[in-house]
C-alpha atoms as a PDB file:
ATOM      1  CA  MET A   1       0.000   0.000   0.000  1.00  0.00           C
ATOM      2  CA  ILE A   2       1.266   3.479  -0.843  1.00  0.00           C
ATOM      3  CA  THR A   3       0.836   4.837   2.693  1.00  0.00           C
ATOM      4  CA  GLU A   4       3.090   2.133   4.112  1.00  0.00           C
ATOM      5  CA  ARG A   5       5.764   2.790   1.499  1.00  0.00           C
ATOM      6  CA  VAL A   6       5.670   6.522   2.267  1.00  0.00           C
ATOM      7  CA  ARG A   7       5.992   5.833   6.005  1.00  0.00           C
ATOM      8  CA  ASN A   8       8.880   3.408   5.449  1.00  0.00           C
ATOM      9  CA  TYR A   9      10.816   5.872   3.311  1.00  0.00           C
ATOM     10  CA  TYR A  10      10.157   8.657   5.816  1.00  0.00           C
ATOM     11  CA  ALA A  11      11.330   6.439   8.666  1.00  0.00           C
ATOM     12  CA  LYS A  12      14.566   5.851   6.734  1.00  0.00           C
ATOM     13  CA  GLY A  13      15.143   9.593   6.727  1.00  0.00           C
ATOM     14  CA  LEU A  14      14.196  10.615   3.204  1.00  0.00           C
ATOM     15  CA  THR A  15      12.729  14.063   2.584  1.00  0.00           C
ATOM     16  CA  TYR A  16       9.256  14.631   1.151  1.00  0.00           C
ATOM     17  CA  SER A  17      10.656  15.473  -2.276  1.00  0.00           C
ATOM     18  CA  GLU A  18      12.938  12.407  -2.301  1.00  0.00           C
ATOM     19  CA  ILE A  19      10.016  10.151  -1.401  1.00  0.00           C
ATOM     20  CA  GLY A  20       7.899  11.866  -4.030  1.00  0.00           C
ATOM     21  CA  LYS A  21      10.483  11.153  -6.714  1.00  0.00           C
ATOM     22  CA  LEU A  22      10.713   7.502  -5.743  1.00  0.00           C
ATOM     23  CA  LEU A  23       6.941   6.994  -5.670  1.00  0.00           C
ATOM     24  CA  GLU A  24       6.046   9.470  -8.430  1.00  0.00           C
ATOM     25  CA  LEU A  25       4.053  11.704  -6.077  1.00  0.00           C
ATOM     26  CA  SER A  26       4.266  15.405  -5.339  1.00  0.00           C
ATOM     27  CA  SER A  27       6.112  16.385  -2.177  1.00  0.00           C
ATOM     28  CA  ARG A  28       2.879  17.940  -0.890  1.00  0.00           C
ATOM     29  CA  THR A  29       1.052  14.607  -1.338  1.00  0.00           C
ATOM     30  CA  VAL A  30       3.826  12.835   0.550  1.00  0.00           C
ATOM     31  CA  GLN A  31       3.539  15.425   3.334  1.00  0.00           C
ATOM     32  CA  ARG A  32      -0.200  14.760   3.559  1.00  0.00           C
ATOM     33  CA  TYR A  33       0.376  11.000   3.841  1.00  0.00           C
ATOM     34  CA  ILE A  34       2.921  11.550   6.629  1.00  0.00           C
ATOM     35  CA  THR A  35       0.672  13.949   8.523  1.00  0.00           C
ATOM     36  CA  ALA A  36      -2.371  11.675   8.183  1.00  0.00           C
ATOM     37  CA  SER A  37      -0.441   8.617   9.352  1.00  0.00           C
ATOM     38  CA  GLY A  38       0.734  10.351  12.521  1.00  0.00           C
ATOM     39  CA  VAL A  39       4.372   9.277  12.199  1.00  0.00           C
ATOM     40  CA  LYS A  40       5.743  12.748  11.679  1.00  0.00           C
ATOM     41  CA  ASN A  41       8.488  13.376  14.184  1.00  0.00           C
ATOM     42  CA  GLU A  42       9.464  17.028  14.361  1.00  0.00           C
ATOM     43  CA  LEU A  43      12.797  16.172  15.945  1.00  0.00           C
ATOM     44  CA  ALA A  44      13.965  13.854  13.185  1.00  0.00           C
ATOM     45  CA  GLU A  45      15.810  15.619  10.402  1.00  0.00           C
ATOM     46  CA  PRO A  46      15.695  13.560   7.221  1.00  0.00           C
ATOM     47  CA  LYS A  47      18.998  13.012   5.470  1.00  0.00           C
ATOM     48  CA  THR A  48      19.280  14.125   1.892  1.00  0.00           C
ATOM     49  CA  LEU A  49      20.201  11.701  -0.833  1.00  0.00           C
ATOM     50  CA  GLN A  50      23.417  13.633  -1.274  1.00  0.00           C
ATOM     51  CA  LYS A  51      24.433  13.126   2.369  1.00  0.00           C
ATOM     52  CA  LYS A  52      23.587   9.439   2.088  1.00  0.00           C
ATOM     53  CA  ALA A  53      25.750   9.210  -1.018  1.00  0.00           C
ATOM     54  CA  PHE A  54      28.702  10.684   0.894  1.00  0.00           C
ATOM     55  CA  GLU A  55      28.152   8.268   3.779  1.00  0.00           C
ATOM     56  CA  LEU A  56      28.029   5.277   1.426  1.00  0.00           C
ATOM     57  CA  SER A  57      31.142   6.501  -0.361  1.00  0.00           C
ATOM     58  CA  ALA A  58      32.972   6.749   2.970  1.00  0.00           C
ATOM     59  CA  LYS A  59      31.996   3.122   3.619  1.00  0.00           C
ATOM     60  CA  GLY A  60      33.694   2.098   0.378  1.00  0.00           C
ATOM     61  CA  PHE A  61      30.764   1.789  -2.028  1.00  0.00           C
ATOM     62  CA  SER A  62      31.417   2.649  -5.674  1.00  0.00           C
ATOM     63  CA  TYR A  63      29.515   5.397  -7.493  1.00  0.00           C
ATOM     64  CA  THR A  64      27.610   2.715  -9.415  1.00  0.00           C
ATOM     65  CA  GLU A  65      26.575   0.910  -6.226  1.00  0.00           C
ATOM     66  CA  ILE A  66      25.548   4.188  -4.574  1.00  0.00           C
ATOM     67  CA  ALA A  67      23.510   5.169  -7.613  1.00  0.00           C
ATOM     68  CA  LYS A  68      21.629   1.872  -7.560  1.00  0.00           C
ATOM     69  CA  LYS A  69      20.910   2.091  -3.826  1.00  0.00           C
ATOM     70  CA  LEU A  70      19.651   5.690  -4.020  1.00  0.00           C
ATOM     71  CA  ARG A  71      17.942   5.306  -7.399  1.00  0.00           C
ATOM     72  CA  VAL A  72      19.830   8.118  -9.071  1.00  0.00           C
ATOM     73  CA  THR A  73      22.292   8.076 -11.960  1.00  0.00           C
ATOM     74  CA  LYS A  74      25.972   7.383 -11.552  1.00  0.00           C
ATOM     75  CA  THR A  75      26.654  10.795 -13.094  1.00  0.00           C
ATOM     76  CA  THR A  76      24.588  12.462 -10.360  1.00  0.00           C
ATOM     77  CA  VAL A  77      26.635  10.744  -7.661  1.00  0.00           C
ATOM     78  CA  TYR A  78      29.861  11.729  -9.430  1.00  0.00           C
ATOM     79  CA  ASN A  79      28.732  15.376  -9.703  1.00  0.00           C
ATOM     80  CA  TRP A  80      27.790  15.512  -6.000  1.00  0.00           C
ATOM     81  CA  HIS A  81      31.271  14.315  -5.054  1.00  0.00           C
ATOM     82  CA  ARG A  82      32.986  16.643  -7.533  1.00  0.00           C
ATOM     83  CA  LYS A  83      31.095  19.655  -6.139  1.00  0.00           C
ATOM     84  CA  GLN A  84      31.925  18.634  -2.587  1.00  0.00           C
ATOM     85  CA  LYS A  85      35.631  18.395  -3.427  1.00  0.00           C
ATOM     86  CA  GLN A  86      35.522  21.840  -5.064  1.00  0.00           C
ATOM     87  CA  ALA A  87      33.799  23.348  -2.030  1.00  0.00           C
ATOM     88  CA  THR A  88      36.259  21.809   0.422  1.00  0.00           C
ATOM     89  CA  PRO A  89      39.424  23.913   0.829  1.00  0.00           C
ATOM     90  CA  PRO A  90      42.657  21.989   0.240  1.00  0.00           C
ATOM     91  CA  GLU A  91      44.647  20.952   3.297  1.00  0.00           C
ATOM     92  CA  ASN A  92      48.081  22.567   3.666  1.00  0.00           C
END
């Protein structure tokens, strides 16, 4: 059932828009499902897909494996990491 899938993704820390993309729903519809189900926890801050990609990379997963797990393209994962490296000042 769609409500259960929304709750499961939310419990895993995905944002409304991330859940919406996975289930082909609008983020507002996802928000309504969460509110109606009563599982919304104001203290829990969902992790973004980008943060999850960095965590998986730190654990040794390849860009291809990360892309499959997060249901994004390998190029997206590569670009996230490239932008992060550019934003991080080099160590002297």
